[in-house]
Amino acid sequence: MNSPDLPASLACVAAGAADTLPPYARDWCYFLDVDGTLLDIAATPDAVRVDPALTKLLAALRHAAGDAVALISGRALSDLDRLFGAAAPIAAGQHGAERRDGVGRVHRHVGRRELLRTVVTRLAAFAARHPGVVFEDKGASLALHVRGAPHAAGAARDAVAAGLRLLGGVYEMQVGKMVFEIKLTGYDKGSAIEDYMQEAPFTGRVPVFVGDDLTDEYGFCMVNALGGLSLKVGPGRSEARHRLADAPAVRAWLAGWVDNITATGNT
């Protein structure tokens, strides 16, 4: 892997970013990261807003793809529902620890919540001592966001590492853009995509994953291995094979696919 923050055990098909995007194809299915991909990054997780144009685009994308569209996020599933409501009925949260499938069943892995409680107290206290640091308890995972206090990044990472030492091998650190998380071992965005690809309405389609962060590298690796399309948003080294500049470019590219499929009568 290109990034030292990803586990060395992660097996990935090597890929270089291509200069051009592939031509649209009707048999694609979509797995979409949220923050930094569909939405511009905000100062805090609660500060993002989903505008009506995006919900309309997601509805059109689902129609054109036969409902084969899933959000794949580090956010909790309840948070995704708060933001997107009925616009995203298929979604995976907390890096795959919770996942709602195509028929509405929720698959949830809660881990050992009693172990997490002591770490919750420690990380909440750390955030209270460092103005600008935001602590987030998602239920099965915990996060320290340092976008508002970049000078505290090293200390925040150390605090998360110290918390992990209390938890054994059930949990691991996940590093993202200005965030350090404790998440369940064995679940990630790639594993969520793999599970979806074995279920309707995704089976038999070509997976497309779009993401922007280190946490999305698992998804890029998975769709590369499955012969799909991996698209990295923004700069930085990545295993993704293609690039999009930013969230507006992602939305424009998705809208282009919808228009293309609709125009050719392939919905």
C-alpha atoms as a PDB file:
ATOM      1  CA  MET A   1       0.000   0.000   0.000  1.00  0.00           C
ATOM      2  CA  ASN A   2       1.099   3.541  -0.664  1.00  0.00           C
ATOM      3  CA  SER A   3      -0.040   4.910   2.684  1.00  0.00           C
ATOM      4  CA  PRO A   4       1.799   3.975   5.879  1.00  0.00           C
ATOM      5  CA  ASP A   5      -1.432   4.531   7.839  1.00  0.00           C
ATOM      6  CA  LEU A   6      -3.094   1.473   6.299  1.00  0.00           C
ATOM      7  CA  PRO A   7      -2.381  -1.982   7.731  1.00  0.00           C
ATOM      8  CA  ALA A   8       0.404  -3.790   5.931  1.00  0.00           C
ATOM      9  CA  SER A   9      -1.814  -6.896   5.787  1.00  0.00           C
ATOM     10  CA  LEU A  10      -4.235  -5.199   3.382  1.00  0.00           C
ATOM     11  CA  ALA A  11      -3.833  -6.959   0.044  1.00  0.00           C
ATOM     12  CA  CYS A  12      -4.493  -4.707  -2.919  1.00  0.00           C
ATOM     13  CA  VAL A  13      -4.251  -4.841  -6.672  1.00  0.00           C
ATOM     14  CA  ALA A  14      -1.684  -2.264  -7.750  1.00  0.00           C
ATOM     15  CA  ALA A  15      -3.168   0.629  -9.698  1.00  0.00           C
ATOM     16  CA  GLY A  16      -2.016   3.922 -11.074  1.00  0.00           C
ATOM     17  CA  ALA A  17      -4.243   6.937 -11.607  1.00  0.00           C
ATOM     18  CA  ALA A  18      -5.361   7.176 -15.225  1.00  0.00           C
ATOM     19  CA  ASP A  19      -5.315  10.432 -17.198  1.00  0.00           C
ATOM     20  CA  THR A  20      -8.853  10.016 -18.525  1.00  0.00           C
ATOM     21  CA  LEU A  21     -12.103   8.757 -17.083  1.00  0.00           C
ATOM     22  CA  PRO A  22     -13.596   5.581 -18.568  1.00  0.00           C
ATOM     23  CA  PRO A  23     -16.602   5.799 -20.905  1.00  0.00           C
ATOM     24  CA  TYR A  24     -19.953   5.373 -19.209  1.00  0.00           C
ATOM     25  CA  ALA A  25     -21.468   1.881 -19.115  1.00  0.00           C
ATOM     26  CA  ARG A  26     -25.022   0.888 -18.220  1.00  0.00           C
ATOM     27  CA  ASP A  27     -24.074  -2.076 -15.984  1.00  0.00           C
ATOM     28  CA  TRP A  28     -22.355  -0.020 -13.293  1.00  0.00           C
ATOM     29  CA  CYS A  29     -23.432   0.034  -9.659  1.00  0.00           C
ATOM     30  CA  TYR A  30     -22.349   2.787  -7.306  1.00  0.00           C
ATOM     31  CA  PHE A  31     -20.699   2.938  -3.885  1.00  0.00           C
ATOM     32  CA  LEU A  32     -20.211   6.517  -2.747  1.00  0.00           C
ATOM     33  CA  ASP A  33     -18.332   8.025   0.149  1.00  0.00           C
ATOM     34  CA  VAL A  34     -20.017  11.088   1.662  1.00  0.00           C
ATOM     35  CA  ASP A  35     -17.716  13.694   3.250  1.00  0.00           C
ATOM     36  CA  GLY A  36     -15.258  15.068   0.719  1.00  0.00           C
ATOM     37  CA  THR A  37     -16.919  13.092  -2.078  1.00  0.00           C
ATOM     38  CA  LEU A  38     -20.618  13.900  -2.359  1.00  0.00           C
ATOM     39  CA  LEU A  39     -20.319  16.748   0.139  1.00  0.00           C
ATOM     40  CA  ASP A  40     -17.613  19.340   0.645  1.00  0.00           C
ATOM     41  CA  ILE A  41     -15.683  18.919   3.879  1.00  0.00           C
ATOM     42  CA  ALA A  42     -17.048  21.076   6.706  1.00  0.00           C
ATOM     43  CA  ALA A  43     -15.383  22.344   9.861  1.00  0.00           C
ATOM     44  CA  THR A  44     -17.207  19.739  11.991  1.00  0.00           C
ATOM     45  CA  PRO A  45     -19.249  16.633  11.109  1.00  0.00           C
ATOM     46  CA  ASP A  46     -22.471  18.379  12.159  1.00  0.00           C
ATOM     47  CA  ALA A  47     -21.843  21.391   9.935  1.00  0.00           C
ATOM     48  CA  VAL A  48     -22.445  19.689   6.561  1.00  0.00           C
ATOM     49  CA  ARG A  49     -25.653  20.308   4.636  1.00  0.00           C
ATOM     50  CA  VAL A  50     -27.356  18.214   1.954  1.00  0.00           C
ATOM     51  CA  ASP A  51     -29.043  20.421  -0.611  1.00  0.00           C
ATOM     52  CA  PRO A  52     -32.137  19.446  -2.644  1.00  0.00           C
ATOM     53  CA  ALA A  53     -30.083  19.192  -5.832  1.00  0.00           C
ATOM     54  CA  LEU A  54     -28.042  16.363  -4.342  1.00  0.00           C
ATOM     55  CA  THR A  55     -31.076  14.409  -3.114  1.00  0.00           C
ATOM     56  CA  LYS A  56     -32.592  14.815  -6.594  1.00  0.00           C
ATOM     57  CA  LEU A  57     -29.359  13.552  -8.169  1.00  0.00           C
ATOM     58  CA  LEU A  58     -29.254  10.510  -5.879  1.00  0.00           C
ATOM     59  CA  ALA A  59     -32.859   9.683  -6.728  1.00  0.00           C
ATOM     60  CA  ALA A  60     -32.109   9.913 -10.451  1.00  0.00           C
ATOM     61  CA  LEU A  61     -28.951   7.820 -10.017  1.00  0.00           C
ATOM     62  CA  ARG A  62     -30.863   5.112  -8.147  1.00  0.00           C
ATOM     63  CA  HIS A  63     -33.551   5.035 -10.856  1.00  0.00           C
ATOM     64  CA  ALA A  64     -31.011   4.770 -13.687  1.00  0.00           C
ATOM     65  CA  ALA A  65     -28.974   2.101 -11.824  1.00  0.00           C
ATOM     66  CA  GLY A  66     -31.924  -0.051 -10.799  1.00  0.00           C
ATOM     67  CA  ASP A  67     -31.488   1.001  -7.146  1.00  0.00           C
ATOM     68  CA  ALA A  68     -27.874  -0.265  -7.129  1.00  0.00           C
ATOM     69  CA  VAL A  69     -26.490   2.754  -5.259  1.00  0.00           C
ATOM     70  CA  ALA A  70     -25.096   2.671  -1.706  1.00  0.00           C
ATOM     71  CA  LEU A  71     -23.490   5.243   0.535  1.00  0.00           C
ATOM     72  CA  ILE A  72     -20.327   3.905   2.215  1.00  0.00           C
ATOM     73  CA  SER A  73     -19.294   6.156   5.084  1.00  0.00           C
ATOM     74  CA  GLY A  74     -17.466   6.444   8.356  1.00  0.00           C
ATOM     75  CA  ARG A  75     -20.530   8.206   9.743  1.00  0.00           C
ATOM     76  CA  ALA A  76     -23.067   6.275  11.782  1.00  0.00           C
ATOM     77  CA  LEU A  77     -26.045   4.936   9.859  1.00  0.00           C
ATOM     78  CA  SER A  78     -28.359   7.087  11.973  1.00  0.00           C
ATOM     79  CA  ASP A  79     -26.336  10.150  10.939  1.00  0.00           C
ATOM     80  CA  LEU A  80     -26.613   9.228   7.257  1.00  0.00           C
ATOM     81  CA  ASP A  81     -30.380   8.891   7.676  1.00  0.00           C
ATOM     82  CA  ARG A  82     -30.508  12.311   9.328  1.00  0.00           C
ATOM     83  CA  LEU A  83     -28.652  13.858   6.408  1.00  0.00           C
ATOM     84  CA  PHE A  84     -30.135  11.992   3.447  1.00  0.00           C
ATOM     85  CA  GLY A  85     -33.406  10.468   4.637  1.00  0.00           C
ATOM     86  CA  ALA A  86     -35.182   8.477   1.925  1.00  0.00           C
ATOM     87  CA  ALA A  87     -32.600   9.570  -0.664  1.00  0.00           C
ATOM     88  CA  ALA A  88     -30.199   6.839   0.542  1.00  0.00           C
ATOM     89  CA  PRO A  89     -32.099   3.687   1.540  1.00  0.00           C
ATOM     90  CA  ILE A  90     -29.007   1.482   1.011  1.00  0.00           C
ATOM     91  CA  ALA A  91     -26.086   2.589   3.148  1.00  0.00           C
ATOM     92  CA  ALA A  92     -23.175   1.341   5.238  1.00  0.00           C
ATOM     93  CA  GLY A  93     -21.959   3.279   8.271  1.00  0.00           C
ATOM     94  CA  GLN A  94     -19.040   3.214  10.685  1.00  0.00           C
ATOM     95  CA  HIS A  95     -16.710   1.746   8.059  1.00  0.00           C
ATOM     96  CA  GLY A  96     -18.934  -1.288   7.470  1.00  0.00           C
ATOM     97  CA  ALA A  97     -19.755  -2.088  11.095  1.00  0.00           C
ATOM     98  CA  GLU A  98     -23.398  -1.370  10.239  1.00  0.00           C
ATOM     99  CA  ARG A  99     -24.997  -1.903   6.853  1.00  0.00           C
ATOM    100  CA  ARG A 100     -28.544  -1.632   5.498  1.00  0.00           C
ATOM    101  CA  ASP A 101     -29.088  -3.888   2.493  1.00  0.00           C
ATOM    102  CA  GLY A 102     -31.350  -3.665  -0.534  1.00  0.00           C
ATOM    103  CA  VAL A 103     -34.421  -5.007   1.268  1.00  0.00           C
ATOM    104  CA  GLY A 104     -33.991  -2.774   4.297  1.00  0.00           C
ATOM    105  CA  ARG A 105     -32.377  -5.243   6.705  1.00  0.00           C
ATOM    106  CA  VAL A 106     -29.764  -3.722   8.992  1.00  0.00           C
ATOM    107  CA  HIS A 107     -26.655  -5.790   9.726  1.00  0.00           C
ATOM    108  CA  ARG A 108     -25.000  -4.326  12.814  1.00  0.00           C
ATOM    109  CA  HIS A 109     -21.800  -5.328  14.624  1.00  0.00           C
ATOM    110  CA  VAL A 110     -21.630  -3.531  17.957  1.00  0.00           C
ATOM    111  CA  GLY A 111     -18.355  -4.956  19.251  1.00  0.00           C
ATOM    112  CA  ARG A 112     -17.753  -4.748  22.994  1.00  0.00           C
ATOM    113  CA  ARG A 113     -19.479  -1.599  24.088  1.00  0.00           C
ATOM    114  CA  GLU A 114     -18.622  -2.175  27.739  1.00  0.00           C
ATOM    115  CA  LEU A 115     -14.939  -1.959  26.816  1.00  0.00           C
ATOM    116  CA  LEU A 116     -15.449   1.214  24.817  1.00  0.00           C
ATOM    117  CA  ARG A 117     -17.054   3.086  27.718  1.00  0.00           C
ATOM    118  CA  THR A 118     -13.774   3.694  29.521  1.00  0.00           C
ATOM    119  CA  VAL A 119     -12.202   4.963  26.310  1.00  0.00           C
ATOM    120  CA  VAL A 120     -15.205   7.212  25.674  1.00  0.00           C
ATOM    121  CA  THR A 121     -14.525   8.953  28.971  1.00  0.00           C
ATOM    122  CA  ARG A 122     -10.825   9.384  28.176  1.00  0.00           C
ATOM    123  CA  LEU A 123     -11.307  10.744  24.659  1.00  0.00           C
ATOM    124  CA  ALA A 124     -14.138  13.066  25.684  1.00  0.00           C
ATOM    125  CA  ALA A 125     -11.878  14.469  28.405  1.00  0.00           C
ATOM    126  CA  PHE A 126      -9.059  14.908  25.882  1.00  0.00           C
ATOM    127  CA  ALA A 127     -11.356  16.917  23.585  1.00  0.00           C
ATOM    128  CA  ALA A 128     -12.505  19.048  26.507  1.00  0.00           C
ATOM    129  CA  ARG A 129      -8.874  19.933  27.277  1.00  0.00           C
ATOM    130  CA  HIS A 130      -8.069  20.862  23.660  1.00  0.00           C
ATOM    131  CA  PRO A 131     -10.292  23.595  22.195  1.00  0.00           C
ATOM    132  CA  GLY A 132     -11.123  22.857  18.579  1.00  0.00           C
ATOM    133  CA  VAL A 133     -10.878  19.075  18.959  1.00  0.00           C
ATOM    134  CA  VAL A 134     -14.246  17.356  18.441  1.00  0.00           C
ATOM    135  CA  PHE A 135     -14.987  13.993  20.043  1.00  0.00           C
ATOM    136  CA  GLU A 136     -17.555  11.756  18.313  1.00  0.00           C
ATOM    137  CA  ASP A 137     -19.118   8.621  19.802  1.00  0.00           C
ATOM    138  CA  LYS A 138     -20.786   6.724  16.963  1.00  0.00           C
ATOM    139  CA  GLY A 139     -21.729   3.654  18.985  1.00  0.00           C
ATOM    140  CA  ALA A 140     -19.443   0.997  17.514  1.00  0.00           C
ATOM    141  CA  SER A 141     -16.599   3.432  16.837  1.00  0.00           C
ATOM    142  CA  LEU A 142     -15.065   6.574  18.327  1.00  0.00           C
ATOM    143  CA  ALA A 143     -13.332   9.528  16.685  1.00  0.00           C
ATOM    144  CA  LEU A 144     -11.261  12.579  17.501  1.00  0.00           C
ATOM    145  CA  HIS A 145     -11.577  15.270  14.819  1.00  0.00           C
ATOM    146  CA  VAL A 146      -8.727  17.780  14.744  1.00  0.00           C
ATOM    147  CA  ARG A 147      -9.684  19.967  11.774  1.00  0.00           C
ATOM    148  CA  GLY A 148     -10.342  22.800  14.205  1.00  0.00           C
ATOM    149  CA  ALA A 149      -7.067  22.200  16.078  1.00  0.00           C
ATOM    150  CA  PRO A 150      -4.438  20.809  13.675  1.00  0.00           C
ATOM    151  CA  HIS A 151      -1.693  21.541  16.203  1.00  0.00           C
ATOM    152  CA  ALA A 152      -3.243  18.840  18.428  1.00  0.00           C
ATOM    153  CA  ALA A 153      -3.076  16.095  15.783  1.00  0.00           C
ATOM    154  CA  GLY A 154      -0.079  14.313  17.300  1.00  0.00           C
ATOM    155  CA  ALA A 155      -1.513  14.357  20.790  1.00  0.00           C
ATOM    156  CA  ALA A 156      -4.897  13.175  19.498  1.00  0.00           C
ATOM    157  CA  ARG A 157      -3.299  10.256  17.721  1.00  0.00           C
ATOM    158  CA  ASP A 158      -1.425   9.342  20.894  1.00  0.00           C
ATOM    159  CA  ALA A 159      -4.676   9.524  22.905  1.00  0.00           C
ATOM    160  CA  VAL A 160      -6.419   7.181  20.475  1.00  0.00           C
ATOM    161  CA  ALA A 161      -3.449   4.788  20.551  1.00  0.00           C
ATOM    162  CA  ALA A 162      -3.532   4.805  24.360  1.00  0.00           C
ATOM    163  CA  GLY A 163      -7.237   4.004  24.278  1.00  0.00           C
ATOM    164  CA  LEU A 164      -6.624   1.127  21.904  1.00  0.00           C
ATOM    165  CA  ARG A 165      -4.213  -0.465  24.339  1.00  0.00           C
ATOM    166  CA  LEU A 166      -7.156  -0.903  26.721  1.00  0.00           C
ATOM    167  CA  LEU A 167      -9.249  -2.716  24.118  1.00  0.00           C
ATOM    168  CA  GLY A 168      -7.155  -5.633  22.911  1.00  0.00           C
ATOM    169  CA  GLY A 169      -7.375  -6.864  19.320  1.00  0.00           C
ATOM    170  CA  VAL A 170     -11.103  -6.254  18.872  1.00  0.00           C
ATOM    171  CA  TYR A 171     -10.482  -2.692  17.698  1.00  0.00           C
ATOM    172  CA  GLU A 172      -7.952  -0.866  15.550  1.00  0.00           C
ATOM    173  CA  MET A 173      -6.983   2.692  14.655  1.00  0.00           C
ATOM    174  CA  GLN A 174      -8.337   4.240  11.469  1.00  0.00           C
ATOM    175  CA  VAL A 175      -6.578   7.401  10.300  1.00  0.00           C
ATOM    176  CA  GLY A 176      -8.404   9.822   8.015  1.00  0.00           C
ATOM    177  CA  LYS A 177      -8.193  13.460   6.980  1.00  0.00           C
ATOM    178  CA  MET A 178      -7.809  15.329  10.263  1.00  0.00           C
ATOM    179  CA  VAL A 179      -9.425  12.502  12.221  1.00  0.00           C
ATOM    180  CA  PHE A 180      -8.240   9.527  14.284  1.00  0.00           C
ATOM    181  CA  GLU A 181     -10.733   6.760  14.944  1.00  0.00           C
ATOM    182  CA  ILE A 182     -11.143   3.565  16.923  1.00  0.00           C
ATOM    183  CA  LYS A 183     -13.120   1.064  14.871  1.00  0.00           C
ATOM    184  CA  LEU A 184     -13.914  -2.629  14.910  1.00  0.00           C
ATOM    185  CA  THR A 185     -11.195  -4.830  13.457  1.00  0.00           C
ATOM    186  CA  GLY A 186     -12.283  -6.722  10.352  1.00  0.00           C
ATOM    187  CA  TYR A 187     -14.787  -4.201   9.033  1.00  0.00           C
ATOM    188  CA  ASP A 188     -14.002  -1.497   6.494  1.00  0.00           C
ATOM    189  CA  LYS A 189     -15.410   0.092   3.377  1.00  0.00           C
ATOM    190  CA  GLY A 190     -14.005  -2.684   1.214  1.00  0.00           C
ATOM    191  CA  SER A 191     -15.689  -5.410   3.240  1.00  0.00           C
ATOM    192  CA  ALA A 192     -19.002  -3.525   3.005  1.00  0.00           C
ATOM    193  CA  ILE A 193     -18.695  -3.333  -0.788  1.00  0.00           C
ATOM    194  CA  GLU A 194     -17.825  -7.033  -0.961  1.00  0.00           C
ATOM    195  CA  ASP A 195     -20.960  -7.899   1.023  1.00  0.00           C
ATOM    196  CA  TYR A 196     -23.166  -5.721  -1.173  1.00  0.00           C
ATOM    197  CA  MET A 197     -21.795  -7.284  -4.364  1.00  0.00           C
ATOM    198  CA  GLN A 198     -23.164 -10.651  -3.255  1.00  0.00           C
ATOM    199  CA  GLU A 199     -26.697  -9.272  -2.913  1.00  0.00           C
ATOM    200  CA  ALA A 200     -29.398  -7.765  -5.109  1.00  0.00           C
ATOM    201  CA  PRO A 201     -29.508  -5.231  -6.678  1.00  0.00           C
ATOM    202  CA  PHE A 202     -25.694  -5.194  -7.038  1.00  0.00           C
ATOM    203  CA  THR A 203     -24.977  -8.787  -8.131  1.00  0.00           C
ATOM    204  CA  GLY A 204     -23.834  -9.043 -11.729  1.00  0.00           C
ATOM    205  CA  ARG A 205     -22.971  -5.361 -12.061  1.00  0.00           C
ATOM    206  CA  VAL A 206     -19.596  -3.627 -12.261  1.00  0.00           C
ATOM    207  CA  PRO A 207     -18.765  -1.872  -8.973  1.00  0.00           C
ATOM    208  CA  VAL A 208     -17.796   1.801  -8.998  1.00  0.00           C
ATOM    209  CA  PHE A 209     -16.421   3.336  -5.814  1.00  0.00           C
ATOM    210  CA  VAL A 210     -15.739   7.051  -5.356  1.00  0.00           C
ATOM    211  CA  GLY A 211     -13.910   8.340  -2.272  1.00  0.00           C
ATOM    212  CA  ASP A 212     -11.392  10.905  -1.115  1.00  0.00           C
ATOM    213  CA  ASP A 213      -9.749   9.716   2.099  1.00  0.00           C
ATOM    214  CA  LEU A 214      -7.350   7.121   3.500  1.00  0.00           C
ATOM    215  CA  THR A 215     -10.378   5.212   4.777  1.00  0.00           C
ATOM    216  CA  ASP A 216     -11.524   4.838   1.172  1.00  0.00           C
ATOM    217  CA  GLU A 217      -8.385   2.963   0.114  1.00  0.00           C
ATOM    218  CA  TYR A 218     -10.029  -0.257   1.317  1.00  0.00           C
ATOM    219  CA  GLY A 219     -12.866   0.380  -1.112  1.00  0.00           C
ATOM    220  CA  PHE A 220     -10.497   1.187  -3.965  1.00  0.00           C
ATOM    221  CA  CYS A 221      -8.618  -2.035  -3.375  1.00  0.00           C
ATOM    222  CA  MET A 222     -11.824  -4.067  -3.297  1.00  0.00           C
ATOM    223  CA  VAL A 223     -13.268  -2.725  -6.544  1.00  0.00           C
ATOM    224  CA  ASN A 224      -9.882  -3.065  -8.234  1.00  0.00           C
ATOM    225  CA  ALA A 225      -9.838  -6.723  -7.238  1.00  0.00           C
ATOM    226  CA  LEU A 226     -13.414  -7.134  -8.508  1.00  0.00           C
ATOM    227  CA  GLY A 227     -12.589  -5.567 -11.871  1.00  0.00           C
ATOM    228  CA  GLY A 228     -14.508  -2.384 -11.119  1.00  0.00           C
ATOM    229  CA  LEU A 229     -13.764   1.328 -11.234  1.00  0.00           C
ATOM    230  CA  SER A 230     -11.989   3.193  -8.429  1.00  0.00           C
ATOM    231  CA  LEU A 231     -12.089   6.987  -8.427  1.00  0.00           C
ATOM    232  CA  LYS A 232     -10.085   9.146  -6.033  1.00  0.00           C
ATOM    233  CA  VAL A 233     -11.352  12.660  -5.303  1.00  0.00           C
ATOM    234  CA  GLY A 234      -8.629  15.265  -4.995  1.00  0.00           C
ATOM    235  CA  PRO A 235      -4.823  14.968  -4.819  1.00  0.00           C
ATOM    236  CA  GLY A 236      -2.668  12.479  -2.954  1.00  0.00           C
ATOM    237  CA  ARG A 237      -1.223   9.029  -3.515  1.00  0.00           C
ATOM    238  CA  SER A 238      -3.841   6.346  -3.907  1.00  0.00           C
ATOM    239  CA  GLU A 239      -4.609   2.888  -5.243  1.00  0.00           C
ATOM    240  CA  ALA A 240      -7.521   4.372  -7.204  1.00  0.00           C
ATOM    241  CA  ARG A 241      -7.212   4.131 -10.973  1.00  0.00           C
ATOM    242  CA  HIS A 242      -9.013   7.352 -11.841  1.00  0.00           C
ATOM    243  CA  ARG A 243      -9.341  10.905 -10.485  1.00  0.00           C
ATOM    244  CA  LEU A 244     -11.978  13.562  -9.971  1.00  0.00           C
ATOM    245  CA  ALA A 245     -11.053  17.041  -8.742  1.00  0.00           C
ATOM    246  CA  ASP A 246     -13.584  17.688  -5.981  1.00  0.00           C
ATOM    247  CA  ALA A 247     -17.156  17.112  -4.780  1.00  0.00           C
ATOM    248  CA  PRO A 248     -18.748  19.296  -7.516  1.00  0.00           C
ATOM    249  CA  ALA A 249     -16.831  17.284 -10.124  1.00  0.00           C
ATOM    250  CA  VAL A 250     -18.161  14.050  -8.589  1.00  0.00           C
ATOM    251  CA  ARG A 251     -21.712  15.307  -8.798  1.00  0.00           C
ATOM    252  CA  ALA A 252     -21.257  16.463 -12.388  1.00  0.00           C
ATOM    253  CA  TRP A 253     -19.756  13.099 -13.379  1.00  0.00           C
ATOM    254  CA  LEU A 254     -22.634  11.176 -11.772  1.00  0.00           C
ATOM    255  CA  ALA A 255     -25.169  13.459 -13.448  1.00  0.00           C
ATOM    256  CA  GLY A 256     -23.422  12.791 -16.763  1.00  0.00           C
ATOM    257  CA  TRP A 257     -23.883   9.055 -16.308  1.00  0.00           C
ATOM    258  CA  VAL A 258     -27.575   9.505 -15.520  1.00  0.00           C
ATOM    259  CA  ASP A 259     -28.051  11.692 -18.588  1.00  0.00           C
ATOM    260  CA  ASN A 260     -26.168   9.225 -20.791  1.00  0.00           C
ATOM    261  CA  ILE A 261     -28.123   6.186 -19.645  1.00  0.00           C
ATOM    262  CA  THR A 262     -31.434   8.029 -19.813  1.00  0.00           C
ATOM    263  CA  ALA A 263     -30.722   9.352 -23.298  1.00  0.00           C
ATOM    264  CA  THR A 264     -29.923   5.883 -24.627  1.00  0.00           C
ATOM    265  CA  GLY A 265     -33.058   4.375 -23.101  1.00  0.00           C
ATOM    266  CA  ASN A 266     -31.131   1.970 -20.891  1.00  0.00           C
ATOM    267  CA  THR A 267     -32.738   2.700 -17.537  1.00  0.00           C
END
